[in-house]
Amino acid sequence: MLSDEERRSMLEMGQSAAVRAEFDRVRAAGRQAARKIDAQQLVEFLTMMTRLGGDRIRPRPFVPYTRVLL
């Protein structure tokens, strides 16, 4: 569940024209996923995704797998 602060932050981001424009760019990039991209386009895409991800990295607990089937 999201905290009240996180909800507020997400609503504010949703109202931002800049964030909407970045999501439009990500959507357009997704449509072109079948074509080959060069290194510069990959760097631009990863930079855009980092901006959308936020400032902080949330630590995740380690999940011990006792039985792994492939």
PDB file of N, CA and C in Angstrom:
ATOM      1  N   MET A   1       0.833  -1.182   0.000  1.00  0.00           N
ATOM      2  CA  MET A   1       0.000   0.000   0.000  1.00  0.00           C
ATOM      3  C   MET A   1       0.878   1.246   0.000  1.00  0.00           C
ATOM      4  N   LEU A   2       0.366   2.286  -0.580  1.00  0.00           N
ATOM      5  CA  LEU A   2       1.091   3.546  -0.642  1.00  0.00           C
ATOM      6  C   LEU A   2       0.729   4.423   0.552  1.00  0.00           C
ATOM      7  N   SER A   3       1.717   5.162   1.007  1.00  0.00           N
ATOM      8  CA  SER A   3       1.446   6.105   2.088  1.00  0.00           C
ATOM      9  C   SER A   3       0.735   7.326   1.505  1.00  0.00           C
ATOM     10  N   ASP A   4       0.194   8.168   2.359  1.00  0.00           N
ATOM     11  CA  ASP A   4      -0.490   9.372   1.901  1.00  0.00           C
ATOM     12  C   ASP A   4       0.466  10.282   1.127  1.00  0.00           C
ATOM     13  N   GLU A   5       1.701  10.369   1.590  1.00  0.00           N
ATOM     14  CA  GLU A   5       2.694  11.205   0.915  1.00  0.00           C
ATOM     15  C   GLU A   5       2.987  10.679  -0.489  1.00  0.00           C
ATOM     16  N   GLU A   6       3.106   9.358  -0.617  1.00  0.00           N
ATOM     17  CA  GLU A   6       3.374   8.762  -1.927  1.00  0.00           C
ATOM     18  C   GLU A   6       2.195   8.970  -2.874  1.00  0.00           C
ATOM     19  N   ARG A   7       0.978   8.838  -2.356  1.00  0.00           N
ATOM     20  CA  ARG A   7      -0.213   9.079  -3.174  1.00  0.00           C
ATOM     21  C   ARG A   7      -0.255  10.518  -3.673  1.00  0.00           C
ATOM     22  N   ARG A   8       0.011  11.448  -2.761  1.00  0.00           N
ATOM     23  CA  ARG A   8       0.018  12.856  -3.119  1.00  0.00           C
ATOM     24  C   ARG A   8       1.064  13.132  -4.198  1.00  0.00           C
ATOM     25  N   SER A   9       2.232  12.543  -4.014  1.00  0.00           N
ATOM     26  CA  SER A   9       3.316  12.734  -4.972  1.00  0.00           C
ATOM     27  C   SER A   9       2.929  12.189  -6.348  1.00  0.00           C
ATOM     28  N   MET A  10       2.302  11.025  -6.388  1.00  0.00           N
ATOM     29  CA  MET A  10       1.898  10.433  -7.663  1.00  0.00           C
ATOM     30  C   MET A  10       0.823  11.282  -8.344  1.00  0.00           C
ATOM     31  N   LEU A  11      -0.117  11.826  -7.567  1.00  0.00           N
ATOM     32  CA  LEU A  11      -1.145  12.680  -8.148  1.00  0.00           C
ATOM     33  C   LEU A  11      -0.544  13.957  -8.721  1.00  0.00           C
ATOM     34  N   GLU A  12       0.425  14.526  -8.009  1.00  0.00           N
ATOM     35  CA  GLU A  12       1.098  15.730  -8.503  1.00  0.00           C
ATOM     36  C   GLU A  12       1.865  15.429  -9.789  1.00  0.00           C
ATOM     37  N   MET A  13       2.544  14.275  -9.830  1.00  0.00           N
ATOM     38  CA  MET A  13       3.290  13.891 -11.032  1.00  0.00           C
ATOM     39  C   MET A  13       2.335  13.682 -12.201  1.00  0.00           C
ATOM     40  N   GLY A  14       1.152  13.131 -11.932  1.00  0.00           N
ATOM     41  CA  GLY A  14       0.175  12.894 -12.990  1.00  0.00           C
ATOM     42  C   GLY A  14      -0.361  14.176 -13.588  1.00  0.00           C
ATOM     43  N   GLN A  15      -0.337  15.253 -12.827  1.00  0.00           N
ATOM     44  CA  GLN A  15      -0.820  16.540 -13.323  1.00  0.00           C
ATOM     45  C   GLN A  15       0.272  17.324 -14.031  1.00  0.00           C
ATOM     46  N   SER A  16       1.501  16.860 -13.957  1.00  0.00           N
ATOM     47  CA  SER A  16       2.632  17.559 -14.561  1.00  0.00           C
ATOM     48  C   SER A  16       2.685  17.303 -16.063  1.00  0.00           C
ATOM     49  N   ALA A  17       2.729  18.379 -16.822  1.00  0.00           N
ATOM     50  CA  ALA A  17       2.819  18.249 -18.282  1.00  0.00           C
ATOM     51  C   ALA A  17       4.146  17.621 -18.700  1.00  0.00           C
ATOM     52  N   ALA A  18       5.212  17.908 -17.962  1.00  0.00           N
ATOM     53  CA  ALA A  18       6.516  17.351 -18.303  1.00  0.00           C
ATOM     54  C   ALA A  18       6.531  15.834 -18.126  1.00  0.00           C
ATOM     55  N   VAL A  19       5.933  15.355 -17.049  1.00  0.00           N
ATOM     56  CA  VAL A  19       5.894  13.905 -16.816  1.00  0.00           C
ATOM     57  C   VAL A  19       5.027  13.233 -17.870  1.00  0.00           C
ATOM     58  N   ARG A  20       3.921  13.860 -18.216  1.00  0.00           N
ATOM     59  CA  ARG A  20       3.068  13.289 -19.267  1.00  0.00           C
ATOM     60  C   ARG A  20       3.817  13.206 -20.591  1.00  0.00           C
ATOM     61  N   ALA A  21       4.585  14.246 -20.894  1.00  0.00           N
ATOM     62  CA  ALA A  21       5.362  14.235 -22.141  1.00  0.00           C
ATOM     63  C   ALA A  21       6.385  13.110 -22.122  1.00  0.00           C
ATOM     64  N   GLU A  22       7.019  12.886 -20.974  1.00  0.00           N
ATOM     65  CA  GLU A  22       7.993  11.795 -20.886  1.00  0.00           C
ATOM     66  C   GLU A  22       7.318  10.437 -21.050  1.00  0.00           C
ATOM     67  N   PHE A  23       6.135  10.266 -20.468  1.00  0.00           N
ATOM     68  CA  PHE A  23       5.413   9.006 -20.647  1.00  0.00           C
ATOM     69  C   PHE A  23       5.030   8.816 -22.114  1.00  0.00           C
ATOM     70  N   ASP A  24       4.662   9.903 -22.793  1.00  0.00           N
ATOM     71  CA  ASP A  24       4.362   9.801 -24.224  1.00  0.00           C
ATOM     72  C   ASP A  24       5.598   9.359 -24.996  1.00  0.00           C
ATOM     73  N   ARG A  25       6.756   9.889 -24.624  1.00  0.00           N
ATOM     74  CA  ARG A  25       7.995   9.488 -25.294  1.00  0.00           C
ATOM     75  C   ARG A  25       8.299   8.014 -25.023  1.00  0.00           C
ATOM     76  N   VAL A  26       8.065   7.564 -23.791  1.00  0.00           N
ATOM     77  CA  VAL A  26       8.303   6.153 -23.457  1.00  0.00           C
ATOM     78  C   VAL A  26       7.344   5.269 -24.248  1.00  0.00           C
ATOM     79  N   ARG A  27       6.087   5.690 -24.345  1.00  0.00           N
ATOM     80  CA  ARG A  27       5.100   4.920 -25.101  1.00  0.00           C
ATOM     81  C   ARG A  27       5.511   4.818 -26.566  1.00  0.00           C
ATOM     82  N   ALA A  28       5.960   5.936 -27.134  1.00  0.00           N
ATOM     83  CA  ALA A  28       6.401   5.923 -28.533  1.00  0.00           C
ATOM     84  C   ALA A  28       7.627   5.036 -28.707  1.00  0.00           C
ATOM     85  N   ALA A  29       8.522   5.064 -27.728  1.00  0.00           N
ATOM     86  CA  ALA A  29       9.714   4.213 -27.806  1.00  0.00           C
ATOM     87  C   ALA A  29       9.325   2.739 -27.726  1.00  0.00           C
ATOM     88  N   GLY A  30       8.305   2.431 -26.955  1.00  0.00           N
ATOM     89  CA  GLY A  30       7.839   1.051 -26.844  1.00  0.00           C
ATOM     90  C   GLY A  30       7.280   0.522 -28.148  1.00  0.00           C
ATOM     91  N   ARG A  31       6.647   1.401 -28.907  1.00  0.00           N
ATOM     92  CA  ARG A  31       6.098   0.994 -30.207  1.00  0.00           C
ATOM     93  C   ARG A  31       7.205   0.641 -31.194  1.00  0.00           C
ATOM     94  N   GLN A  32       8.356   1.243 -30.995  1.00  0.00           N
ATOM     95  CA  GLN A  32       9.466   1.017 -31.912  1.00  0.00           C
ATOM     96  C   GLN A  32      10.434  -0.039 -31.383  1.00  0.00           C
ATOM     97  N   ALA A  33       9.998  -0.809 -30.397  1.00  0.00           N
ATOM     98  CA  ALA A  33      10.893  -1.774 -29.752  1.00  0.00           C
ATOM     99  C   ALA A  33      11.386  -2.858 -30.709  1.00  0.00           C
ATOM    100  N   ALA A  34      10.617  -3.145 -31.750  1.00  0.00           N
ATOM    101  CA  ALA A  34      11.005  -4.209 -32.666  1.00  0.00           C
ATOM    102  C   ALA A  34      12.181  -3.808 -33.545  1.00  0.00           C
ATOM    103  N   ARG A  35      12.373  -2.528 -33.722  1.00  0.00           N
ATOM    104  CA  ARG A  35      13.482  -2.109 -34.583  1.00  0.00           C
ATOM    105  C   ARG A  35      14.772  -2.043 -33.776  1.00  0.00           C
ATOM    106  N   LYS A  36      15.872  -2.090 -34.469  1.00  0.00           N
ATOM    107  CA  LYS A  36      17.171  -2.040 -33.793  1.00  0.00           C
ATOM    108  C   LYS A  36      17.487  -0.613 -33.379  1.00  0.00           C
ATOM    109  N   ILE A  37      18.134  -0.475 -32.216  1.00  0.00           N
ATOM    110  CA  ILE A  37      18.492   0.850 -31.728  1.00  0.00           C
ATOM    111  C   ILE A  37      20.003   0.933 -31.556  1.00  0.00           C
ATOM    112  N   ASP A  38      20.509   2.131 -31.617  1.00  0.00           N
ATOM    113  CA  ASP A  38      21.939   2.296 -31.403  1.00  0.00           C
ATOM    114  C   ASP A  38      22.203   2.644 -29.932  1.00  0.00           C
ATOM    115  N   ALA A  39      23.453   2.756 -29.581  1.00  0.00           N
ATOM    116  CA  ALA A  39      23.837   2.987 -28.182  1.00  0.00           C
ATOM    117  C   ALA A  39      23.292   4.311 -27.658  1.00  0.00           C
ATOM    118  N   GLN A  40      23.296   5.354 -28.480  1.00  0.00           N
ATOM    119  CA  GLN A  40      22.809   6.668 -28.038  1.00  0.00           C
ATOM    120  C   GLN A  40      21.328   6.616 -27.690  1.00  0.00           C
ATOM    121  N   GLN A  41      20.531   5.930 -28.488  1.00  0.00           N
ATOM    122  CA  GLN A  41      19.108   5.802 -28.203  1.00  0.00           C
ATOM    123  C   GLN A  41      18.880   5.002 -26.929  1.00  0.00           C
ATOM    124  N   LEU A  42      19.686   3.984 -26.692  1.00  0.00           N
ATOM    125  CA  LEU A  42      19.571   3.208 -25.470  1.00  0.00           C
ATOM    126  C   LEU A  42      19.874   4.071 -24.241  1.00  0.00           C
ATOM    127  N   VAL A  43      20.914   4.873 -24.312  1.00  0.00           N
ATOM    128  CA  VAL A  43      21.270   5.759 -23.203  1.00  0.00           C
ATOM    129  C   VAL A  43      20.147   6.756 -22.938  1.00  0.00           C
ATOM    130  N   GLU A  44      19.565   7.328 -23.990  1.00  0.00           N
ATOM    131  CA  GLU A  44      18.464   8.271 -23.824  1.00  0.00           C
ATOM    132  C   GLU A  44      17.260   7.603 -23.158  1.00  0.00           C
ATOM    133  N   PHE A  45      16.944   6.381 -23.584  1.00  0.00           N
ATOM    134  CA  PHE A  45      15.816   5.660 -22.999  1.00  0.00           C
ATOM    135  C   PHE A  45      16.059   5.364 -21.520  1.00  0.00           C
ATOM    136  N   LEU A  46      17.243   4.888 -21.193  1.00  0.00           N
ATOM    137  CA  LEU A  46      17.548   4.566 -19.798  1.00  0.00           C
ATOM    138  C   LEU A  46      17.559   5.817 -18.938  1.00  0.00           C
ATOM    139  N   THR A  47      18.040   6.928 -19.468  1.00  0.00           N
ATOM    140  CA  THR A  47      18.020   8.190 -18.739  1.00  0.00           C
ATOM    141  C   THR A  47      16.586   8.622 -18.458  1.00  0.00           C
ATOM    142  N   MET A  48      15.715   8.479 -19.451  1.00  0.00           N
ATOM    143  CA  MET A  48      14.313   8.842 -19.284  1.00  0.00           C
ATOM    144  C   MET A  48      13.659   7.967 -18.214  1.00  0.00           C
ATOM    145  N   MET A  49      13.940   6.673 -18.235  1.00  0.00           N
ATOM    146  CA  MET A  49      13.349   5.771 -17.247  1.00  0.00           C
ATOM    147  C   MET A  49      13.854   6.091 -15.841  1.00  0.00           C
ATOM    148  N   THR A  50      15.106   6.498 -15.721  1.00  0.00           N
ATOM    149  CA  THR A  50      15.654   6.865 -14.420  1.00  0.00           C
ATOM    150  C   THR A  50      14.944   8.095 -13.877  1.00  0.00           C
ATOM    151  N   ARG A  51      14.665   9.065 -14.736  1.00  0.00           N
ATOM    152  CA  ARG A  51      13.945  10.270 -14.300  1.00  0.00           C
ATOM    153  C   ARG A  51      12.557   9.925 -13.791  1.00  0.00           C
ATOM    154  N   LEU A  52      11.889   8.996 -14.455  1.00  0.00           N
ATOM    155  CA  LEU A  52      10.536   8.619 -14.046  1.00  0.00           C
ATOM    156  C   LEU A  52      10.536   7.804 -12.763  1.00  0.00           C
ATOM    157  N   GLY A  53      11.633   7.114 -12.489  1.00  0.00           N
ATOM    158  CA  GLY A  53      11.700   6.244 -11.326  1.00  0.00           C
ATOM    159  C   GLY A  53      11.758   6.956  -9.998  1.00  0.00           C
ATOM    160  N   GLY A  54      12.173   8.174  -9.961  1.00  0.00           N
ATOM    161  CA  GLY A  54      12.240   8.913  -8.704  1.00  0.00           C
ATOM    162  C   GLY A  54      13.656   9.001  -8.170  1.00  0.00           C
ATOM    163  N   ASP A  55      13.766   9.646  -7.035  1.00  0.00           N
ATOM    164  CA  ASP A  55      15.069   9.942  -6.451  1.00  0.00           C
ATOM    165  C   ASP A  55      15.648   8.800  -5.631  1.00  0.00           C
ATOM    166  N   ARG A  56      14.816   8.143  -4.888  1.00  0.00           N
ATOM    167  CA  ARG A  56      15.353   7.169  -3.943  1.00  0.00           C
ATOM    168  C   ARG A  56      15.144   5.734  -4.424  1.00  0.00           C
ATOM    169  N   ILE A  57      16.033   4.899  -4.001  1.00  0.00           N
ATOM    170  CA  ILE A  57      15.946   3.476  -4.298  1.00  0.00           C
ATOM    171  C   ILE A  57      15.448   2.782  -3.041  1.00  0.00           C
ATOM    172  N   ARG A  58      14.396   2.020  -3.180  1.00  0.00           N
ATOM    173  CA  ARG A  58      13.830   1.321  -2.020  1.00  0.00           C
ATOM    174  C   ARG A  58      14.537  -0.019  -1.834  1.00  0.00           C
ATOM    175  N   PRO A  59      15.059  -0.247  -0.650  1.00  0.00           N
ATOM    176  CA  PRO A  59      15.688  -1.556  -0.417  1.00  0.00           C
ATOM    177  C   PRO A  59      14.625  -2.657  -0.386  1.00  0.00           C
ATOM    178  N   ARG A  60      14.973  -3.770  -0.947  1.00  0.00           N
ATOM    179  CA  ARG A  60      14.054  -4.904  -0.973  1.00  0.00           C
ATOM    180  C   ARG A  60      14.643  -6.030  -0.145  1.00  0.00           C
ATOM    181  N   PRO A  61      13.826  -6.705   0.613  1.00  0.00           N
ATOM    182  CA  PRO A  61      14.349  -7.806   1.425  1.00  0.00           C
ATOM    183  C   PRO A  61      14.760  -8.989   0.552  1.00  0.00           C
ATOM    184  N   PHE A  62      15.754  -9.705   0.995  1.00  0.00           N
ATOM    185  CA  PHE A  62      16.209 -10.888   0.287  1.00  0.00           C
ATOM    186  C   PHE A  62      15.192 -11.999   0.461  1.00  0.00           C
ATOM    187  N   VAL A  63      14.880 -12.668  -0.626  1.00  0.00           N
ATOM    188  CA  VAL A  63      13.932 -13.780  -0.576  1.00  0.00           C
ATOM    189  C   VAL A  63      14.716 -15.063  -0.797  1.00  0.00           C
ATOM    190  N   PRO A  64      14.829 -15.891   0.233  1.00  0.00           N
ATOM    191  CA  PRO A  64      15.562 -17.149   0.036  1.00  0.00           C
ATOM    192  C   PRO A  64      14.704 -18.159  -0.738  1.00  0.00           C
ATOM    193  N   TYR A  65      15.254 -18.659  -1.800  1.00  0.00           N
ATOM    194  CA  TYR A  65      14.565 -19.665  -2.588  1.00  0.00           C
ATOM    195  C   TYR A  65      15.104 -21.038  -2.188  1.00  0.00           C
ATOM    196  N   THR A  66      14.246 -21.861  -1.669  1.00  0.00           N
ATOM    197  CA  THR A  66      14.668 -23.181  -1.231  1.00  0.00           C
ATOM    198  C   THR A  66      14.532 -24.221  -2.331  1.00  0.00           C
ATOM    199  N   ARG A  67      13.587 -23.983  -3.258  1.00  0.00           N
ATOM    200  CA  ARG A  67      13.367 -24.933  -4.335  1.00  0.00           C
ATOM    201  C   ARG A  67      13.143 -24.158  -5.621  1.00  0.00           C
ATOM    202  N   VAL A  68      14.137 -24.159  -6.486  1.00  0.00           N
ATOM    203  CA  VAL A  68      14.044 -23.400  -7.732  1.00  0.00           C
ATOM    204  C   VAL A  68      13.881 -24.384  -8.890  1.00  0.00           C
ATOM    205  N   LEU A  69      12.821 -24.203  -9.641  1.00  0.00           N
ATOM    206  CA  LEU A  69      12.561 -25.053 -10.804  1.00  0.00           C
ATOM    207  C   LEU A  69      12.623 -24.193 -12.050  1.00  0.00           C
ATOM    208  N   LEU A  70      13.325 -24.676 -13.041  1.00  0.00           N
ATOM    209  CA  LEU A  70      13.406 -23.951 -14.312  1.00  0.00           C
ATOM    210  C   LEU A  70      12.636 -24.669 -15.384  1.00  0.00           C
TER     211      LEU A  70
END
